Amino acid sequence: MSAADGAWTQHALLASRRREFLGTSIHALTMAETLAIIEEAIRLRRPLHHVVVNVATIVSMRQSAELHEDIAAADMVNVDGKGVLWGARLCGVELPERVANYDVMLNLFSLCAERGYKPFLLGAEQHVLDAVATRLAKDYPSLVVAGRRNGYFKPDDEAGIVAAINGSGADCLFVAMPTPNKERFLKRYRDELKPSFVTGVGGGFDVYGGKVARAPVLIQEVGLEWVFRLVQEPRRLWRRYYDTNTAYAGLLFRELRNRWARRNVSQ
């Protein structure tokens, strides 16, 4: 298959799987399909900007036109959150499964080690970033990390950081910063960045580096990861989760009501 054929395959699949939910474009993809598209982009050196959305992101996008634009500009949007998966299905938007960005990141670390691709790690605190590098060396001895930089920098530092990423020979870029910082950085520099695949992984480095624990699989499956996180940091997170979940419930209720009204009118 030629590079041109590969690019066409990738583009066609993404175009055919695009769906709309609460004003957000998302892609109905499985984890396997997502990874195949990413691997093809890296192998063929085709630019691919990847983001994920969860309940908090959906709510924030309704409140920030800039964030909405940042996410809408991405090439591939996965659903990372049971709340969005179930809400979309309830509204008749068929999605195959949740594609958690942390799991995408782990799979890509393995792929990079296997295929010789080099990731650049941007974000988190320096001690967390160091812990991530240490664990990567243990988990994937053959993996070559192109470079790393913590996420604490000023706007004036960004040009130098982009230059460092581009000069590192990285094939992919993981940005571990909170929303909207990661989305804004990737949108702003996507045309300048040389790594083929770029994505934001939020708190992924914090989990992989051991700063915070990830919810057990059973808790993930029943959609209660947010409760697990709340128990770990109740003072910092309770208000955020209360406001976000309440706002999302309101959005979902109005969407269901509007769909019901349209269905009755059509009949």
Protein backbone atom coordinates (compact mmCIF):
# COMPACT_ATOMS: atom_id res chain seq x y z
CA MET A 1 0.00 0.00 0.00
CA SER A 2 1.38 3.42 -0.90
CA ALA A 3 1.49 6.37 1.49
CA ALA A 4 -1.27 8.01 -0.50
CA ASP A 5 -3.46 4.91 -0.22
CA GLY A 6 -2.86 4.75 3.52
CA ALA A 7 -3.77 8.38 4.01
CA TRP A 8 -6.98 7.88 2.01
CA THR A 9 -7.92 4.82 4.10
CA GLN A 10 -7.41 6.72 7.33
CA HIS A 11 -9.33 9.77 6.14
CA ALA A 12 -12.21 7.71 4.80
CA LEU A 13 -12.63 5.73 8.01
CA LEU A 14 -12.61 8.85 10.17
CA ALA A 15 -15.10 10.58 7.90
CA SER A 16 -17.48 7.59 7.94
CA ARG A 17 -17.40 7.27 11.72
CA ARG A 18 -18.04 10.90 12.65
CA ARG A 19 -21.06 11.41 14.91
CA GLU A 20 -22.65 14.42 16.64
CA PHE A 21 -23.61 14.54 20.31
CA LEU A 22 -24.50 17.65 22.31
CA GLY A 23 -22.88 19.86 19.71
CA THR A 24 -19.65 17.87 19.70
CA SER A 25 -18.21 15.85 16.83
CA ILE A 26 -16.95 12.46 18.01
CA HIS A 27 -15.79 9.32 16.24
CA ALA A 28 -17.47 5.95 16.69
CA LEU A 29 -14.30 3.88 16.92
CA THR A 30 -13.14 0.88 18.91
CA MET A 31 -9.80 0.86 20.69
CA ALA A 32 -8.38 -1.47 18.01
CA GLU A 33 -9.51 0.86 15.20
CA THR A 34 -8.14 3.89 17.02
CA LEU A 35 -4.73 2.30 17.49
CA ALA A 36 -4.64 1.15 13.85
CA ILE A 37 -5.31 4.69 12.64
CA ILE A 38 -2.62 6.10 14.94
CA GLU A 39 -0.07 3.48 13.90
CA GLU A 40 -0.76 4.20 10.24
CA ALA A 41 -0.31 7.94 10.78
CA ILE A 42 3.03 7.45 12.52
CA ARG A 43 4.27 4.89 10.00
CA LEU A 44 3.33 7.04 7.00
CA ARG A 45 4.32 10.28 8.75
CA ARG A 46 0.86 11.72 8.28
CA PRO A 47 -0.20 14.41 10.80
CA LEU A 48 -2.88 13.22 13.22
CA HIS A 49 -4.17 15.39 16.06
CA HIS A 50 -6.06 13.31 18.63
CA VAL A 51 -8.27 14.39 21.53
CA VAL A 52 -10.73 12.74 23.86
CA VAL A 53 -13.89 14.04 25.48
CA ASN A 54 -15.56 13.17 28.77
CA VAL A 55 -18.41 14.69 30.74
CA ALA A 56 -16.26 17.56 32.02
CA THR A 57 -15.01 18.34 28.52
CA ILE A 58 -18.52 18.34 27.03
CA VAL A 59 -19.69 20.80 29.69
CA SER A 60 -16.61 23.02 29.35
CA MET A 61 -17.01 23.16 25.57
CA ARG A 62 -20.52 24.57 26.02
CA GLN A 63 -19.08 27.31 28.21
CA SER A 64 -15.99 28.13 26.13
CA ALA A 65 -16.11 28.80 22.40
CA GLU A 66 -12.32 28.68 22.30
CA LEU A 67 -12.18 25.20 23.81
CA HIS A 68 -14.92 24.06 21.44
CA GLU A 69 -12.85 25.33 18.51
CA ASP A 70 -9.68 23.69 19.85
CA ILE A 71 -11.37 20.29 20.04
CA ALA A 72 -13.33 20.66 16.80
CA ALA A 73 -10.02 21.24 14.99
CA ALA A 74 -8.71 17.79 15.95
CA ASP A 75 -8.58 15.00 13.40
CA MET A 76 -9.84 12.26 15.71
CA VAL A 77 -12.05 12.55 18.80
CA ASN A 78 -12.57 9.55 21.06
CA VAL A 79 -15.04 9.18 23.93
CA ASP A 80 -13.15 8.81 27.19
CA GLY A 81 -15.87 8.50 29.78
CA LYS A 82 -18.77 6.20 30.46
CA GLY A 83 -21.07 9.15 31.07
CA VAL A 84 -20.66 10.37 27.49
CA LEU A 85 -20.85 6.83 26.09
CA TRP A 86 -24.10 6.04 27.88
CA GLY A 87 -25.57 9.50 27.28
CA ALA A 88 -24.88 9.30 23.56
CA ARG A 89 -26.42 5.84 23.31
CA LEU A 90 -29.47 7.03 25.24
CA CYS A 91 -29.89 9.75 22.61
CA GLY A 92 -29.61 7.26 19.77
CA VAL A 93 -25.97 7.93 18.88
CA GLU A 94 -24.37 4.52 18.39
CA LEU A 95 -20.87 4.29 19.82
CA PRO A 96 -19.05 0.94 20.06
CA GLU A 97 -17.12 1.45 23.29
CA ARG A 98 -15.24 3.80 25.52
CA VAL A 99 -11.68 4.51 24.36
CA ALA A 100 -9.83 5.67 27.47
CA ASN A 101 -6.92 7.93 26.64
CA TYR A 102 -4.78 6.38 29.39
CA ASP A 103 -5.15 3.00 27.69
CA VAL A 104 -4.36 4.57 24.32
CA MET A 105 -1.18 5.99 25.87
CA LEU A 106 -0.13 2.62 27.31
CA ASN A 107 -0.77 0.85 24.02
CA LEU A 108 1.28 3.44 22.18
CA PHE A 109 4.19 3.11 24.61
CA SER A 110 4.20 -0.59 23.76
CA LEU A 111 3.90 0.12 20.03
CA CYS A 112 6.77 2.60 20.16
CA ALA A 113 8.98 0.09 21.93
CA GLU A 114 8.07 -2.61 19.42
CA ARG A 115 8.41 -0.52 16.24
CA GLY A 116 11.21 1.83 17.27
CA TYR A 117 9.06 4.97 17.34
CA LYS A 118 10.18 7.69 19.73
CA PRO A 119 7.75 9.59 21.98
CA PHE A 120 8.25 13.06 23.46
CA LEU A 121 6.78 13.58 26.93
CA LEU A 122 5.50 17.06 27.78
CA GLY A 123 3.73 17.93 31.01
CA ALA A 124 3.27 17.11 34.70
CA GLU A 125 5.63 18.06 37.52
CA GLN A 126 9.31 17.33 37.09
CA HIS A 127 9.42 14.61 39.74
CA VAL A 128 6.40 12.92 38.12
CA LEU A 129 8.02 13.15 34.71
CA ASP A 130 11.19 11.58 36.11
CA ALA A 131 9.11 8.77 37.63
CA VAL A 132 7.44 8.19 34.27
CA ALA A 133 10.82 7.94 32.54
CA THR A 134 12.06 5.49 35.19
CA ARG A 135 9.00 3.28 34.85
CA LEU A 136 9.17 3.37 31.05
CA ALA A 137 12.77 2.17 31.16
CA LYS A 138 11.64 -0.74 33.33
CA ASP A 139 8.45 -1.63 31.44
CA TYR A 140 9.83 -1.11 27.93
CA PRO A 141 13.64 -1.50 27.95
CA SER A 142 13.89 -1.02 24.19
CA LEU A 143 11.90 2.22 24.16
CA VAL A 144 13.84 5.36 23.27
CA VAL A 145 12.26 8.53 24.65
CA ALA A 146 13.02 11.41 22.29
CA GLY A 147 12.82 13.99 25.06
CA ARG A 148 10.82 15.25 28.00
CA ARG A 149 9.82 18.58 29.53
CA ASN A 150 7.65 19.34 32.54
CA GLY A 151 4.40 21.21 32.09
CA TYR A 152 5.30 24.28 34.10
CA PHE A 153 6.30 26.97 31.65
CA LYS A 154 5.33 30.46 30.56
CA PRO A 155 3.93 31.47 27.16
CA ASP A 156 7.32 32.97 26.31
CA ASP A 157 8.85 29.49 26.68
CA GLU A 158 6.56 27.81 24.17
CA ALA A 159 8.54 28.60 21.02
CA GLY A 160 11.64 27.03 22.56
CA ILE A 161 9.67 23.98 23.67
CA VAL A 162 8.25 23.49 20.17
CA ALA A 163 11.76 23.80 18.75
CA ALA A 164 13.04 21.21 21.24
CA ILE A 165 10.25 18.79 20.32
CA ASN A 166 10.90 19.25 16.61
CA GLY A 167 14.64 18.84 17.07
CA SER A 168 14.28 15.66 19.10
CA GLY A 169 13.25 13.42 16.21
CA ALA A 170 10.08 12.41 18.05
CA ASP A 171 7.45 10.42 16.17
CA CYS A 172 4.67 11.18 18.63
CA LEU A 173 3.93 13.73 21.34
CA PHE A 174 2.06 13.18 24.60
CA VAL A 175 0.92 16.35 26.39
CA ALA A 176 0.03 15.78 30.04
CA MET A 177 -1.60 19.05 30.99
CA PRO A 178 -5.12 19.88 32.19
CA THR A 179 -7.98 21.09 30.02
CA PRO A 180 -7.96 23.59 28.34
CA ASN A 181 -4.15 23.98 28.41
CA LYS A 182 -3.33 20.84 26.47
CA GLU A 183 -6.00 21.45 23.82
CA ARG A 184 -4.88 25.05 23.41
CA PHE A 185 -1.21 24.14 23.07
CA LEU A 186 -1.85 21.44 20.47
CA LYS A 187 -4.27 23.60 18.46
CA ARG A 188 -1.88 26.55 18.51
CA TYR A 189 1.17 24.60 17.35
CA ARG A 190 -0.26 21.63 15.44
CA ASP A 191 0.96 23.00 12.09
CA GLU A 192 4.47 23.61 13.46
CA LEU A 193 4.96 20.36 15.38
CA LYS A 194 6.89 17.69 13.48
CA PRO A 195 5.78 14.54 15.37
CA SER A 196 3.19 12.76 13.25
CA PHE A 197 0.86 11.95 16.12
CA VAL A 198 0.01 14.46 18.87
CA THR A 199 -2.39 13.96 21.76
CA GLY A 200 -3.26 15.29 25.18
CA VAL A 201 -3.24 12.76 28.02
CA GLY A 202 -4.36 14.96 30.91
CA GLY A 203 -3.37 13.32 34.18
CA GLY A 204 -1.98 10.23 32.46
CA PHE A 205 1.59 10.88 33.61
CA ASP A 206 0.39 11.34 37.20
CA VAL A 207 -1.16 7.87 37.10
CA TYR A 208 1.69 6.14 35.27
CA GLY A 209 4.26 7.88 37.46
CA GLY A 210 2.49 6.78 40.65
CA LYS A 211 1.33 10.16 41.93
CA VAL A 212 -2.35 9.14 41.85
CA ALA A 213 -4.04 5.75 41.62
CA ARG A 214 -6.30 4.69 38.80
CA ALA A 215 -9.68 3.23 39.63
CA PRO A 216 -9.96 -0.58 39.54
CA VAL A 217 -11.40 -2.04 36.34
CA LEU A 218 -14.77 -2.84 37.94
CA ILE A 219 -15.21 0.77 39.05
CA GLN A 220 -14.27 1.93 35.55
CA GLU A 221 -16.82 -0.40 34.00
CA VAL A 222 -19.70 0.94 36.10
CA GLY A 223 -18.75 4.53 35.35
CA LEU A 224 -17.69 5.54 38.85
CA GLU A 225 -14.09 6.59 38.26
CA TRP A 226 -15.05 10.10 39.27
CA VAL A 227 -16.16 8.79 42.68
CA PHE A 228 -12.82 7.02 43.08
CA ARG A 229 -11.00 10.28 42.30
CA LEU A 230 -13.29 12.23 44.60
CA VAL A 231 -12.44 9.95 47.52
CA GLN A 232 -8.74 10.60 46.90
CA GLU A 233 -9.08 14.40 46.80
CA PRO A 234 -12.50 15.38 48.23
CA ARG A 235 -11.71 18.98 49.15
CA ARG A 236 -10.28 19.83 45.74
CA LEU A 237 -12.73 17.91 43.56
CA TRP A 238 -16.17 17.81 45.17
CA ARG A 239 -17.33 21.17 43.85
CA ARG A 240 -15.97 20.51 40.37
CA TYR A 241 -17.73 17.16 40.08
CA TYR A 242 -20.97 18.52 41.52
CA ASP A 243 -21.09 21.43 39.06
CA THR A 244 -19.99 19.32 36.09
CA ASN A 245 -22.31 16.38 36.69
CA THR A 246 -25.29 18.65 37.37
CA ALA A 247 -24.67 20.65 34.20
CA TYR A 248 -24.27 17.48 32.12
CA ALA A 249 -27.49 16.01 33.50
CA GLY A 250 -29.28 19.20 32.45
CA LEU A 251 -27.79 19.08 28.95
CA LEU A 252 -28.74 15.44 28.56
CA PHE A 253 -32.30 16.02 29.79
CA ARG A 254 -32.83 18.88 27.34
CA GLU A 255 -31.39 16.84 24.47
CA LEU A 256 -33.69 13.91 25.22
CA ARG A 257 -36.70 16.24 25.53
CA ASN A 258 -35.90 17.91 22.20
CA ARG A 259 -35.46 14.56 20.45
CA TRP A 260 -38.78 13.34 21.87
CA ALA A 261 -40.51 16.53 20.69
CA ARG A 262 -39.04 16.25 17.18
CA ARG A 263 -40.06 12.60 16.96
CA ASN A 264 -43.66 13.45 17.91
CA VAL A 265 -43.81 16.29 15.35
CA SER A 266 -42.53 14.00 12.59
CA GLN A 267 -45.24 11.49 13.40
